[in-house]
Amino acid sequence: MKVMEIDTATSSLEKYARKVKKQPIIVTKNGRPFAALVSLKNADMETIEMSTNPRFMNLIDRSRERHKTEGGMNGDEVRRSLGLNKPKARK
């Protein structure tokens, strides 16, 4: 991972974007993390949009907390409750 202060980041965005294929770049402001440039290999626009949406992430956090306190069902239990067959194993 490369770390650089925003005031010293004088190259073009294109140059930095090409470098993130090898390692993320963390941009700092007054020594504190401010932004990150990371490779989005194997990510689609919907995944990126949802993972950066504060309302969606809040919903996920609440669901995880509820699962911790109240429990939940695994995939087999959900399929059984819906009367679905277990999926066949892939070859």
PDB file of N, CA and C in Angstrom:
ATOM      1  N   MET A   1       0.848  -1.169   0.000  1.00  0.00           N
ATOM      2  CA  MET A   1       0.000   0.000   0.000  1.00  0.00           C
ATOM      3  C   MET A   1       0.895   1.233   0.000  1.00  0.00           C
ATOM      4  N   LYS A   2       0.553   2.178  -0.843  1.00  0.00           N
ATOM      5  CA  LYS A   2       1.307   3.422  -0.920  1.00  0.00           C
ATOM      6  C   LYS A   2       0.502   4.507  -0.210  1.00  0.00           C
ATOM      7  N   VAL A   3       1.193   5.328   0.588  1.00  0.00           N
ATOM      8  CA  VAL A   3       0.552   6.430   1.299  1.00  0.00           C
ATOM      9  C   VAL A   3       1.193   7.723   0.826  1.00  0.00           C
ATOM     10  N   MET A   4       0.351   8.711   0.510  1.00  0.00           N
ATOM     11  CA  MET A   4       0.894  10.005   0.094  1.00  0.00           C
ATOM     12  C   MET A   4       0.034  11.142   0.627  1.00  0.00           C
ATOM     13  N   GLU A   5       0.695  12.209   0.971  1.00  0.00           N
ATOM     14  CA  GLU A   5       0.014  13.422   1.445  1.00  0.00           C
ATOM     15  C   GLU A   5      -0.610  14.121   0.237  1.00  0.00           C
ATOM     16  N   ILE A   6      -1.827  14.618   0.392  1.00  0.00           N
ATOM     17  CA  ILE A   6      -2.557  15.224  -0.727  1.00  0.00           C
ATOM     18  C   ILE A   6      -1.784  16.378  -1.360  1.00  0.00           C
ATOM     19  N   ASP A   7      -1.055  17.145  -0.554  1.00  0.00           N
ATOM     20  CA  ASP A   7      -0.301  18.278  -1.091  1.00  0.00           C
ATOM     21  C   ASP A   7       0.858  17.854  -1.979  1.00  0.00           C
ATOM     22  N   THR A   8       1.305  16.607  -1.855  1.00  0.00           N
ATOM     23  CA  THR A   8       2.416  16.131  -2.688  1.00  0.00           C
ATOM     24  C   THR A   8       1.927  15.320  -3.887  1.00  0.00           C
ATOM     25  N   ALA A   9       0.633  15.132  -3.995  1.00  0.00           N
ATOM     26  CA  ALA A   9       0.058  14.365  -5.109  1.00  0.00           C
ATOM     27  C   ALA A   9      -0.075  15.288  -6.315  1.00  0.00           C
ATOM     28  N   THR A  10       0.981  15.387  -7.087  1.00  0.00           N
ATOM     29  CA  THR A  10       1.003  16.343  -8.189  1.00  0.00           C
ATOM     30  C   THR A  10       0.846  15.705  -9.567  1.00  0.00           C
ATOM     31  N   SER A  11       0.872  14.384  -9.644  1.00  0.00           N
ATOM     32  CA  SER A  11       0.684  13.716 -10.935  1.00  0.00           C
ATOM     33  C   SER A  11      -0.791  13.704 -11.311  1.00  0.00           C
ATOM     34  N   SER A  12      -1.066  13.308 -12.538  1.00  0.00           N
ATOM     35  CA  SER A  12      -2.447  13.255 -13.007  1.00  0.00           C
ATOM     36  C   SER A  12      -3.183  12.065 -12.369  1.00  0.00           C
ATOM     37  N   LEU A  13      -4.486  12.178 -12.298  1.00  0.00           N
ATOM     38  CA  LEU A  13      -5.307  11.086 -11.777  1.00  0.00           C
ATOM     39  C   LEU A  13      -5.072   9.822 -12.596  1.00  0.00           C
ATOM     40  N   GLU A  14      -4.913   9.976 -13.888  1.00  0.00           N
ATOM     41  CA  GLU A  14      -4.673   8.817 -14.758  1.00  0.00           C
ATOM     42  C   GLU A  14      -3.427   8.041 -14.305  1.00  0.00           C
ATOM     43  N   LYS A  15      -2.370   8.760 -13.978  1.00  0.00           N
ATOM     44  CA  LYS A  15      -1.126   8.108 -13.554  1.00  0.00           C
ATOM     45  C   LYS A  15      -1.344   7.328 -12.260  1.00  0.00           C
ATOM     46  N   TYR A  16      -2.026   7.928 -11.303  1.00  0.00           N
ATOM     47  CA  TYR A  16      -2.284   7.233 -10.043  1.00  0.00           C
ATOM     48  C   TYR A  16      -3.223   6.046 -10.252  1.00  0.00           C
ATOM     49  N   ALA A  17      -4.236   6.226 -11.096  1.00  0.00           N
ATOM     50  CA  ALA A  17      -5.194   5.145 -11.348  1.00  0.00           C
ATOM     51  C   ALA A  17      -4.504   3.920 -11.943  1.00  0.00           C
ATOM     52  N   ARG A  18      -3.531   4.132 -12.773  1.00  0.00           N
ATOM     53  CA  ARG A  18      -2.786   3.007 -13.353  1.00  0.00           C
ATOM     54  C   ARG A  18      -1.958   2.280 -12.300  1.00  0.00           C
ATOM     55  N   LYS A  19      -1.506   2.993 -11.282  1.00  0.00           N
ATOM     56  CA  LYS A  19      -0.680   2.383 -10.236  1.00  0.00           C
ATOM     57  C   LYS A  19      -1.475   1.508  -9.268  1.00  0.00           C
ATOM     58  N   VAL A  20      -2.792   1.719  -9.151  1.00  0.00           N
ATOM     59  CA  VAL A  20      -3.558   0.941  -8.173  1.00  0.00           C
ATOM     60  C   VAL A  20      -3.735  -0.510  -8.587  1.00  0.00           C
ATOM     61  N   LYS A  21      -3.381  -0.853  -9.798  1.00  0.00           N
ATOM     62  CA  LYS A  21      -3.417  -2.259 -10.201  1.00  0.00           C
ATOM     63  C   LYS A  21      -2.450  -3.065  -9.354  1.00  0.00           C
ATOM     64  N   LYS A  22      -1.349  -2.438  -8.948  1.00  0.00           N
ATOM     65  CA  LYS A  22      -0.331  -3.120  -8.153  1.00  0.00           C
ATOM     66  C   LYS A  22      -0.598  -3.015  -6.657  1.00  0.00           C
ATOM     67  N   GLN A  23      -1.067  -1.842  -6.197  1.00  0.00           N
ATOM     68  CA  GLN A  23      -1.305  -1.637  -4.764  1.00  0.00           C
ATOM     69  C   GLN A  23      -2.222  -0.440  -4.560  1.00  0.00           C
ATOM     70  N   PRO A  24      -3.018  -0.450  -3.485  1.00  0.00           N
ATOM     71  CA  PRO A  24      -3.872   0.704  -3.196  1.00  0.00           C
ATOM     72  C   PRO A  24      -3.024   1.939  -2.870  1.00  0.00           C
ATOM     73  N   ILE A  25      -3.599   3.098  -3.101  1.00  0.00           N
ATOM     74  CA  ILE A  25      -2.961   4.352  -2.729  1.00  0.00           C
ATOM     75  C   ILE A  25      -3.857   5.048  -1.714  1.00  0.00           C
ATOM     76  N   ILE A  26      -3.318   5.313  -0.543  1.00  0.00           N
ATOM     77  CA  ILE A  26      -4.048   6.037   0.490  1.00  0.00           C
ATOM     78  C   ILE A  26      -3.572   7.478   0.471  1.00  0.00           C
ATOM     79  N   VAL A  27      -4.512   8.399   0.337  1.00  0.00           N
ATOM     80  CA  VAL A  27      -4.187   9.822   0.316  1.00  0.00           C
ATOM     81  C   VAL A  27      -4.480  10.373   1.704  1.00  0.00           C
ATOM     82  N   THR A  28      -3.501  11.073   2.270  1.00  0.00           N
ATOM     83  CA  THR A  28      -3.682  11.650   3.602  1.00  0.00           C
ATOM     84  C   THR A  28      -3.771  13.166   3.508  1.00  0.00           C
ATOM     85  N   LYS A  29      -4.390  13.752   4.508  1.00  0.00           N
ATOM     86  CA  LYS A  29      -4.480  15.208   4.640  1.00  0.00           C
ATOM     87  C   LYS A  29      -4.069  15.515   6.063  1.00  0.00           C
ATOM     88  N   ASN A  30      -3.003  16.247   6.233  1.00  0.00           N
ATOM     89  CA  ASN A  30      -2.430  16.525   7.552  1.00  0.00           C
ATOM     90  C   ASN A  30      -2.113  15.229   8.295  1.00  0.00           C
ATOM     91  N   GLY A  31      -1.630  14.230   7.547  1.00  0.00           N
ATOM     92  CA  GLY A  31      -1.214  12.968   8.146  1.00  0.00           C
ATOM     93  C   GLY A  31      -2.320  11.977   8.449  1.00  0.00           C
ATOM     94  N   ARG A  32      -3.570  12.329   8.173  1.00  0.00           N
ATOM     95  CA  ARG A  32      -4.702  11.436   8.455  1.00  0.00           C
ATOM     96  C   ARG A  32      -5.313  10.943   7.146  1.00  0.00           C
ATOM     97  N   PRO A  33      -5.734   9.675   7.094  1.00  0.00           N
ATOM     98  CA  PRO A  33      -6.346   9.154   5.858  1.00  0.00           C
ATOM     99  C   PRO A  33      -7.512  10.031   5.414  1.00  0.00           C
ATOM    100  N   PHE A  34      -7.523  10.350   4.126  1.00  0.00           N
ATOM    101  CA  PHE A  34      -8.513  11.259   3.562  1.00  0.00           C
ATOM    102  C   PHE A  34      -9.290  10.594   2.429  1.00  0.00           C
ATOM    103  N   ALA A  35      -8.581   9.834   1.606  1.00  0.00           N
ATOM    104  CA  ALA A  35      -9.205   9.169   0.457  1.00  0.00           C
ATOM    105  C   ALA A  35      -8.351   7.967   0.084  1.00  0.00           C
ATOM    106  N   ALA A  36      -8.934   7.092  -0.736  1.00  0.00           N
ATOM    107  CA  ALA A  36      -8.198   5.912  -1.185  1.00  0.00           C
ATOM    108  C   ALA A  36      -8.469   5.673  -2.656  1.00  0.00           C
ATOM    109  N   LEU A  37      -7.440   5.257  -3.345  1.00  0.00           N
ATOM    110  CA  LEU A  37      -7.577   4.794  -4.720  1.00  0.00           C
ATOM    111  C   LEU A  37      -7.298   3.302  -4.684  1.00  0.00           C
ATOM    112  N   VAL A  38      -8.281   2.514  -5.071  1.00  0.00           N
ATOM    113  CA  VAL A  38      -8.131   1.058  -5.033  1.00  0.00           C
ATOM    114  C   VAL A  38      -8.627   0.456  -6.333  1.00  0.00           C
ATOM    115  N   SER A  39      -8.109  -0.691  -6.665  1.00  0.00           N
ATOM    116  CA  SER A  39      -8.552  -1.416  -7.846  1.00  0.00           C
ATOM    117  C   SER A  39      -9.965  -1.944  -7.596  1.00  0.00           C
ATOM    118  N   LEU A  40     -10.796  -1.882  -8.600  1.00  0.00           N
ATOM    119  CA  LEU A  40     -12.163  -2.402  -8.486  1.00  0.00           C
ATOM    120  C   LEU A  40     -12.339  -3.637  -9.361  1.00  0.00           C
ATOM    121  N   LYS A  41     -11.272  -4.406  -9.470  1.00  0.00           N
ATOM    122  CA  LYS A  41     -11.301  -5.639 -10.252  1.00  0.00           C
ATOM    123  C   LYS A  41     -12.430  -6.533  -9.721  1.00  0.00           C
ATOM    124  N   ASN A  42     -13.197  -7.097 -10.611  1.00  0.00           N
ATOM    125  CA  ASN A  42     -14.301  -8.004 -10.282  1.00  0.00           C
ATOM    126  C   ASN A  42     -15.449  -7.321  -9.543  1.00  0.00           C
ATOM    127  N   ALA A  43     -15.579  -6.014  -9.671  1.00  0.00           N
ATOM    128  CA  ALA A  43     -16.705  -5.306  -9.044  1.00  0.00           C
ATOM    129  C   ALA A  43     -17.546  -4.666 -10.147  1.00  0.00           C
ATOM    130  N   ASP A  44     -18.861  -4.691  -9.957  1.00  0.00           N
ATOM    131  CA  ASP A  44     -19.724  -4.026 -10.921  1.00  0.00           C
ATOM    132  C   ASP A  44     -20.229  -2.714 -10.316  1.00  0.00           C
ATOM    133  N   MET A  45     -20.825  -1.870 -11.141  1.00  0.00           N
ATOM    134  CA  MET A  45     -21.272  -0.549 -10.690  1.00  0.00           C
ATOM    135  C   MET A  45     -22.308  -0.641  -9.580  1.00  0.00           C
ATOM    136  N   GLU A  46     -23.220  -1.616  -9.659  1.00  0.00           N
ATOM    137  CA  GLU A  46     -24.248  -1.754  -8.632  1.00  0.00           C
ATOM    138  C   GLU A  46     -23.613  -2.062  -7.275  1.00  0.00           C
ATOM    139  N   THR A  47     -22.649  -2.963  -7.244  1.00  0.00           N
ATOM    140  CA  THR A  47     -21.977  -3.314  -5.995  1.00  0.00           C
ATOM    141  C   THR A  47     -21.258  -2.101  -5.416  1.00  0.00           C
ATOM    142  N   ILE A  48     -20.577  -1.366  -6.250  1.00  0.00           N
ATOM    143  CA  ILE A  48     -19.861  -0.181  -5.786  1.00  0.00           C
ATOM    144  C   ILE A  48     -20.839   0.860  -5.253  1.00  0.00           C
ATOM    145  N   GLU A  49     -21.903   1.090  -6.000  1.00  0.00           N
ATOM    146  CA  GLU A  49     -22.889   2.082  -5.587  1.00  0.00           C
ATOM    147  C   GLU A  49     -23.531   1.718  -4.256  1.00  0.00           C
ATOM    148  N   MET A  50     -23.901   0.458  -4.088  1.00  0.00           N
ATOM    149  CA  MET A  50     -24.546   0.043  -2.840  1.00  0.00           C
ATOM    150  C   MET A  50     -23.568   0.088  -1.664  1.00  0.00           C
ATOM    151  N   SER A  51     -22.324  -0.312  -1.886  1.00  0.00           N
ATOM    152  CA  SER A  51     -21.367  -0.355  -0.776  1.00  0.00           C
ATOM    153  C   SER A  51     -20.910   1.029  -0.339  1.00  0.00           C
ATOM    154  N   THR A  52     -21.213   2.051  -1.121  1.00  0.00           N
ATOM    155  CA  THR A  52     -20.864   3.410  -0.720  1.00  0.00           C
ATOM    156  C   THR A  52     -22.104   4.231  -0.359  1.00  0.00           C
ATOM    157  N   ASN A  53     -23.259   3.579  -0.307  1.00  0.00           N
ATOM    158  CA  ASN A  53     -24.503   4.262   0.041  1.00  0.00           C
ATOM    159  C   ASN A  53     -24.712   4.174   1.555  1.00  0.00           C
ATOM    160  N   PRO A  54     -24.660   5.294   2.271  1.00  0.00           N
ATOM    161  CA  PRO A  54     -24.782   5.255   3.734  1.00  0.00           C
ATOM    162  C   PRO A  54     -26.100   4.643   4.227  1.00  0.00           C
ATOM    163  N   ARG A  55     -27.204   4.890   3.533  1.00  0.00           N
ATOM    164  CA  ARG A  55     -28.492   4.323   3.966  1.00  0.00           C
ATOM    165  C   ARG A  55     -28.483   2.801   3.848  1.00  0.00           C
ATOM    166  N   PHE A  56     -27.940   2.296   2.736  1.00  0.00           N
ATOM    167  CA  PHE A  56     -27.879   0.848   2.542  1.00  0.00           C
ATOM    168  C   PHE A  56     -26.948   0.219   3.573  1.00  0.00           C
ATOM    169  N   MET A  57     -25.780   0.824   3.793  1.00  0.00           N
ATOM    170  CA  MET A  57     -24.833   0.272   4.764  1.00  0.00           C
ATOM    171  C   MET A  57     -25.416   0.296   6.182  1.00  0.00           C
ATOM    172  N   ASN A  58     -26.211   1.316   6.505  1.00  0.00           N
ATOM    173  CA  ASN A  58     -26.876   1.365   7.802  1.00  0.00           C
ATOM    174  C   ASN A  58     -27.859   0.207   7.938  1.00  0.00           C
ATOM    175  N   LEU A  59     -28.595  -0.092   6.873  1.00  0.00           N
ATOM    176  CA  LEU A  59     -29.522  -1.223   6.867  1.00  0.00           C
ATOM    177  C   LEU A  59     -28.778  -2.536   7.093  1.00  0.00           C
ATOM    178  N   ILE A  60     -27.649  -2.709   6.427  1.00  0.00           N
ATOM    179  CA  ILE A  60     -26.838  -3.922   6.596  1.00  0.00           C
ATOM    180  C   ILE A  60     -26.338  -4.025   8.033  1.00  0.00           C
ATOM    181  N   ASP A  61     -25.832  -2.920   8.575  1.00  0.00           N
ATOM    182  CA  ASP A  61     -25.341  -2.927   9.964  1.00  0.00           C
ATOM    183  C   ASP A  61     -26.451  -3.292  10.946  1.00  0.00           C
ATOM    184  N   ARG A  62     -27.641  -2.731  10.760  1.00  0.00           N
ATOM    185  CA  ARG A  62     -28.775  -3.055  11.653  1.00  0.00           C
ATOM    186  C   ARG A  62     -29.163  -4.522  11.522  1.00  0.00           C
ATOM    187  N   SER A  63     -29.145  -5.040  10.313  1.00  0.00           N
ATOM    188  CA  SER A  63     -29.485  -6.452  10.095  1.00  0.00           C
ATOM    189  C   SER A  63     -28.471  -7.368  10.761  1.00  0.00           C
ATOM    190  N   ARG A  64     -27.205  -7.035  10.671  1.00  0.00           N
ATOM    191  CA  ARG A  64     -26.158  -7.840  11.305  1.00  0.00           C
ATOM    192  C   ARG A  64     -26.308  -7.823  12.823  1.00  0.00           C
ATOM    193  N   GLU A  65     -26.592  -6.648  13.361  1.00  0.00           N
ATOM    194  CA  GLU A  65     -26.775  -6.533  14.814  1.00  0.00           C
ATOM    195  C   GLU A  65     -27.994  -7.331  15.259  1.00  0.00           C
ATOM    196  N   ARG A  66     -29.065  -7.247  14.504  1.00  0.00           N
ATOM    197  CA  ARG A  66     -30.275  -8.009  14.843  1.00  0.00           C
ATOM    198  C   ARG A  66     -29.998  -9.507  14.773  1.00  0.00           C
ATOM    199  N   HIS A  67     -29.237  -9.925  13.784  1.00  0.00           N
ATOM    200  CA  HIS A  67     -28.899 -11.342  13.656  1.00  0.00           C
ATOM    201  C   HIS A  67     -28.096 -11.806  14.870  1.00  0.00           C
ATOM    202  N   LYS A  68     -27.178 -10.954  15.358  1.00  0.00           N
ATOM    203  CA  LYS A  68     -26.393 -11.301  16.551  1.00  0.00           C
ATOM    204  C   LYS A  68     -27.285 -11.495  17.774  1.00  0.00           C
ATOM    205  N   THR A  69     -28.254 -10.607  17.949  1.00  0.00           N
ATOM    206  CA  THR A  69     -29.083 -10.653  19.158  1.00  0.00           C
ATOM    207  C   THR A  69     -30.242 -11.633  19.056  1.00  0.00           C
ATOM    208  N   GLU A  70     -30.814 -11.780  17.862  1.00  0.00           N
ATOM    209  CA  GLU A  70     -32.003 -12.618  17.715  1.00  0.00           C
ATOM    210  C   GLU A  70     -31.750 -13.933  16.993  1.00  0.00           C
ATOM    211  N   GLY A  71     -30.592 -14.053  16.359  1.00  0.00           N
ATOM    212  CA  GLY A  71     -30.317 -15.263  15.598  1.00  0.00           C
ATOM    213  C   GLY A  71     -30.905 -15.174  14.204  1.00  0.00           C
ATOM    214  N   GLY A  72     -30.756 -16.241  13.479  1.00  0.00           N
ATOM    215  CA  GLY A  72     -31.249 -16.265  12.109  1.00  0.00           C
ATOM    216  C   GLY A  72     -31.296 -17.686  11.597  1.00  0.00           C
ATOM    217  N   MET A  73     -31.538 -17.818  10.300  1.00  0.00           N
ATOM    218  CA  MET A  73     -31.631 -19.132   9.684  1.00  0.00           C
ATOM    219  C   MET A  73     -30.535 -19.262   8.631  1.00  0.00           C
ATOM    220  N   ASN A  74     -29.981 -20.464   8.520  1.00  0.00           N
ATOM    221  CA  ASN A  74     -29.009 -20.693   7.452  1.00  0.00           C
ATOM    222  C   ASN A  74     -29.756 -21.025   6.167  1.00  0.00           C
ATOM    223  N   GLY A  75     -29.020 -21.192   5.087  1.00  0.00           N
ATOM    224  CA  GLY A  75     -29.636 -21.430   3.782  1.00  0.00           C
ATOM    225  C   GLY A  75     -30.536 -22.650   3.738  1.00  0.00           C
ATOM    226  N   ASP A  76     -30.099 -23.752   4.360  1.00  0.00           N
ATOM    227  CA  ASP A  76     -30.920 -24.972   4.381  1.00  0.00           C
ATOM    228  C   ASP A  76     -32.236 -24.732   5.113  1.00  0.00           C
ATOM    229  N   GLU A  77     -32.189 -24.011   6.217  1.00  0.00           N
ATOM    230  CA  GLU A  77     -33.409 -23.729   6.983  1.00  0.00           C
ATOM    231  C   GLU A  77     -34.370 -22.856   6.187  1.00  0.00           C
ATOM    232  N   VAL A  78     -33.846 -21.876   5.472  1.00  0.00           N
ATOM    233  CA  VAL A  78     -34.692 -21.009   4.644  1.00  0.00           C
ATOM    234  C   VAL A  78     -35.359 -21.832   3.549  1.00  0.00           C
ATOM    235  N   ARG A  79     -34.578 -22.678   2.853  1.00  0.00           N
ATOM    236  CA  ARG A  79     -35.157 -23.509   1.795  1.00  0.00           C
ATOM    237  C   ARG A  79     -36.237 -24.434   2.343  1.00  0.00           C
ATOM    238  N   ARG A  80     -35.975 -25.059   3.507  1.00  0.00           N
ATOM    239  CA  ARG A  80     -36.968 -25.942   4.121  1.00  0.00           C
ATOM    240  C   ARG A  80     -38.246 -25.173   4.455  1.00  0.00           C
ATOM    241  N   SER A  81     -38.086 -23.976   5.030  1.00  0.00           N
ATOM    242  CA  SER A  81     -39.269 -23.195   5.416  1.00  0.00           C
ATOM    243  C   SER A  81     -40.086 -22.759   4.209  1.00  0.00           C
ATOM    244  N   LEU A  82     -39.430 -22.630   3.056  1.00  0.00           N
ATOM    245  CA  LEU A  82     -40.120 -22.240   1.827  1.00  0.00           C
ATOM    246  C   LEU A  82     -40.530 -23.435   0.975  1.00  0.00           C
ATOM    247  N   GLY A  83     -40.199 -24.636   1.442  1.00  0.00           N
ATOM    248  CA  GLY A  83     -40.553 -25.842   0.706  1.00  0.00           C
ATOM    249  C   GLY A  83     -39.731 -26.031  -0.554  1.00  0.00           C
ATOM    250  N   LEU A  84     -38.501 -25.540  -0.547  1.00  0.00           N
ATOM    251  CA  LEU A  84     -37.636 -25.649  -1.720  1.00  0.00           C
ATOM    252  C   LEU A  84     -36.656 -26.803  -1.546  1.00  0.00           C
ATOM    253  N   ASN A  85     -36.239 -27.368  -2.659  1.00  0.00           N
ATOM    254  CA  ASN A  85     -35.242 -28.435  -2.622  1.00  0.00           C
ATOM    255  C   ASN A  85     -33.852 -27.846  -2.449  1.00  0.00           C
ATOM    256  N   LYS A  86     -32.989 -28.634  -1.860  1.00  0.00           N
ATOM    257  CA  LYS A  86     -31.607 -28.228  -1.710  1.00  0.00           C
ATOM    258  C   LYS A  86     -30.975 -28.158  -3.109  1.00  0.00           C
ATOM    259  N   PRO A  87     -30.185 -27.113  -3.401  1.00  0.00           N
ATOM    260  CA  PRO A  87     -29.588 -27.029  -4.740  1.00  0.00           C
ATOM    261  C   PRO A  87     -28.601 -28.159  -4.967  1.00  0.00           C
ATOM    262  N   LYS A  88     -28.510 -28.596  -6.222  1.00  0.00           N
ATOM    263  CA  LYS A  88     -27.586 -29.657  -6.578  1.00  0.00           C
ATOM    264  C   LYS A  88     -26.156 -29.123  -6.562  1.00  0.00           C
ATOM    265  N   ALA A  89     -25.223 -29.984  -6.169  1.00  0.00           N
ATOM    266  CA  ALA A  89     -23.815 -29.606  -6.141  1.00  0.00           C
ATOM    267  C   ALA A  89     -23.318 -29.382  -7.559  1.00  0.00           C
ATOM    268  N   ARG A  90     -22.451 -28.381  -7.734  1.00  0.00           N
ATOM    269  CA  ARG A  90     -21.856 -28.119  -9.042  1.00  0.00           C
ATOM    270  C   ARG A  90     -20.718 -29.067  -9.286  1.00  0.00           C
ATOM    271  N   LYS A  91     -20.528 -29.420 -10.543  1.00  0.00           N
ATOM    272  CA  LYS A  91     -19.444 -30.331 -10.917  1.00  0.00           C
ATOM    273  C   LYS A  91     -18.247 -29.573 -11.378  1.00  0.00           C
TER     274      LYS A  91
END
